[in-house]
Each structure stands twice: as C-alpha cells, then as structure tokens.
Protein backbone atom coordinates (compact mmCIF):
# COMPACT_ATOMS: atom_id res chain seq x y z
CA UNK A 1 -30.29 -111.75 155.02
CA UNK A 2 -30.86 -108.20 156.18
CA UNK A 3 -32.70 -105.44 154.37
CA UNK A 4 -29.41 -103.69 153.60
CA UNK A 5 -28.15 -106.83 151.87
CA UNK A 6 -31.19 -106.91 149.59
CA UNK A 7 -30.74 -103.21 148.80
CA UNK A 8 -27.07 -103.84 148.07
CA UNK A 9 -27.91 -106.70 145.69
CA UNK A 10 -30.92 -104.90 144.22
CA UNK A 11 -33.16 -107.96 144.52
CA UNK A 12 -36.02 -109.04 146.71
CA UNK A 13 -36.49 -112.46 148.29
CA UNK A 14 -38.79 -114.92 146.52
CA UNK A 15 -41.42 -114.99 149.26
CA UNK A 16 -41.68 -111.23 149.68
CA UNK A 17 -44.67 -109.86 151.55
CA UNK A 18 -45.44 -106.33 150.27
CA UNK A 19 -47.31 -105.27 153.42
CA UNK A 20 -44.14 -105.87 155.44
CA UNK A 21 -41.42 -104.89 152.98
CA UNK A 22 -42.94 -101.76 151.47
CA UNK A 23 -42.94 -99.73 154.73
CA UNK A 24 -39.39 -100.91 155.47
CA UNK A 25 -38.11 -99.86 152.06
CA UNK A 26 -39.92 -96.52 152.19
CA UNK A 27 -38.40 -95.85 155.61
CA UNK A 28 -34.97 -96.79 154.23
CA UNK A 29 -35.51 -94.40 151.31
CA UNK A 30 -36.48 -91.53 153.63
CA UNK A 31 -33.40 -92.22 155.76
CA UNK A 32 -31.15 -92.13 152.71
CA UNK A 33 -32.75 -88.84 151.58
CA UNK A 34 -32.11 -87.34 155.00
CA UNK A 35 -28.50 -88.49 155.09
CA UNK A 36 -27.73 -86.51 151.95
CA UNK A 37 -27.92 -83.29 153.95
CA UNK A 38 -27.70 -84.47 157.59
CA UNK A 39 -24.50 -86.47 157.02
CA UNK A 40 -22.33 -83.54 155.94
CA UNK A 41 -23.68 -81.34 158.75
CA UNK A 42 -23.06 -84.03 161.35
CA UNK A 43 -19.53 -84.75 160.18
CA UNK A 44 -18.75 -81.04 159.80
CA UNK A 45 -19.60 -80.61 163.47
CA UNK A 46 -17.37 -83.55 164.42
CA UNK A 47 -14.61 -82.10 162.23
CA UNK A 48 -14.96 -78.71 163.93
CA UNK A 49 -14.70 -80.40 167.31
CA UNK A 50 -11.52 -82.19 166.24
CA UNK A 51 -10.02 -78.96 164.89
CA UNK A 52 -10.81 -77.30 168.21
CA UNK A 53 -9.08 -80.17 170.03
CA UNK A 54 -6.07 -79.91 167.70
CA UNK A 55 -5.78 -76.19 168.50
CA UNK A 56 -5.97 -76.96 172.21
CA UNK A 57 -3.39 -79.76 172.07
CA UNK A 58 -1.73 -80.17 168.67
CA UNK A 59 0.61 -82.96 169.77
CA UNK A 60 -2.16 -85.59 170.02
CA UNK A 61 -2.11 -87.56 166.77
CA UNK A 62 -5.59 -89.00 167.34
CA UNK A 63 -7.29 -85.64 166.70
CA UNK A 64 -5.48 -85.27 163.39
CA UNK A 65 -6.54 -88.75 162.33
CA UNK A 66 -10.12 -88.12 163.47
CA UNK A 67 -10.25 -84.87 161.48
CA UNK A 68 -9.24 -86.66 158.30
CA UNK A 69 -11.73 -89.45 159.00
CA UNK A 70 -14.65 -87.07 159.61
CA UNK A 71 -13.89 -85.00 156.50
CA UNK A 72 -13.81 -88.21 154.48
CA UNK A 73 -17.08 -89.43 155.96
CA UNK A 74 -18.69 -86.04 155.37
CA UNK A 75 -17.93 -86.44 151.68
CA UNK A 76 -18.64 -90.18 151.41
CA UNK A 77 -21.98 -90.46 153.24
CA UNK A 78 -24.04 -88.22 150.92
CA UNK A 79 -22.46 -89.82 147.85
CA UNK A 80 -23.29 -93.25 149.24
CA UNK A 81 -26.88 -92.23 149.93
CA UNK A 82 -27.32 -90.76 146.45
CA UNK A 83 -25.89 -93.95 144.94
CA UNK A 84 -28.26 -96.22 146.90
CA UNK A 85 -31.42 -94.22 146.17
CA UNK A 86 -32.07 -95.61 142.65
CA UNK A 87 -31.69 -99.18 143.92
CA UNK A 88 -34.17 -98.58 146.72
CA UNK A 89 -36.57 -96.88 144.30
CA UNK A 90 -36.31 -99.86 141.94
CA UNK A 91 -37.07 -102.27 144.78
CA UNK A 92 -40.08 -100.18 145.84
CA UNK A 93 -41.37 -100.13 142.25
CA UNK A 94 -40.85 -103.89 141.95
CA UNK A 95 -42.63 -104.44 145.24
CA UNK A 96 -45.57 -102.24 144.22
CA UNK A 97 -45.83 -104.15 140.93
CA UNK A 98 -45.74 -107.42 142.86
CA UNK A 99 -48.44 -106.10 145.20
CA UNK A 100 -50.60 -105.08 142.22
CA UNK A 101 -50.17 -108.53 140.67
CA UNK A 102 -51.22 -110.20 143.92
CA UNK A 103 -54.29 -108.01 144.33
CA UNK A 104 -55.49 -108.64 140.78
CA UNK A 105 -56.07 -112.33 141.50
C-alpha cells in the first residue's frame, strides 16, 4: 500500500519503522498545510486563464467546463487538506509513541 492509503485509513502497518515513516508523514503534513493556501491561488489562476479564453472565444464549450472544474477544485482542495490534517497528525503522534516505546527497551 502507498502512504496515501495509510493516511486515508488512519492506520500504520504492523512493521512500521519510525526512522523511515516519520519524515514521510511530516513531509505529507507540510504539503497538506501548503495546499490550504496554494491550492486556491493555483486554481484561481487557472480559472482566470479559462475566463480569458472564454472572452476570446466564447463558443468553445471546453473553456466553460474547465472554468467550472477549476472553481470546484479551488474550493475542494483546501477543504480536503484541512480534513486530512488531523489524520496525519494522529499518525505522527502514534509513530512518535511507537518510537518512544522502541527506544525505552
């Protein structure tokens, strides 16, 4: 399974190695934090481009569809990132607890 699948499920594999997984999860968490504000900016720029293309040639249906898609993604991406953050934080906390348990032996 991929890292995203474990984040989606909110569980870690049985034979987890904290020295490998902790940096991956922290990187994933930073990425999700960035997407909360980068996502809307990125999709706003794509939306503006589509609106420009609609003004230039309004008869092309693809630009209308793309505009709707980019507006939807601009709303969905930050909400998705905010929703995933607690799961990633819980996995990081679980991993740190697992690492502490291993080092106490």
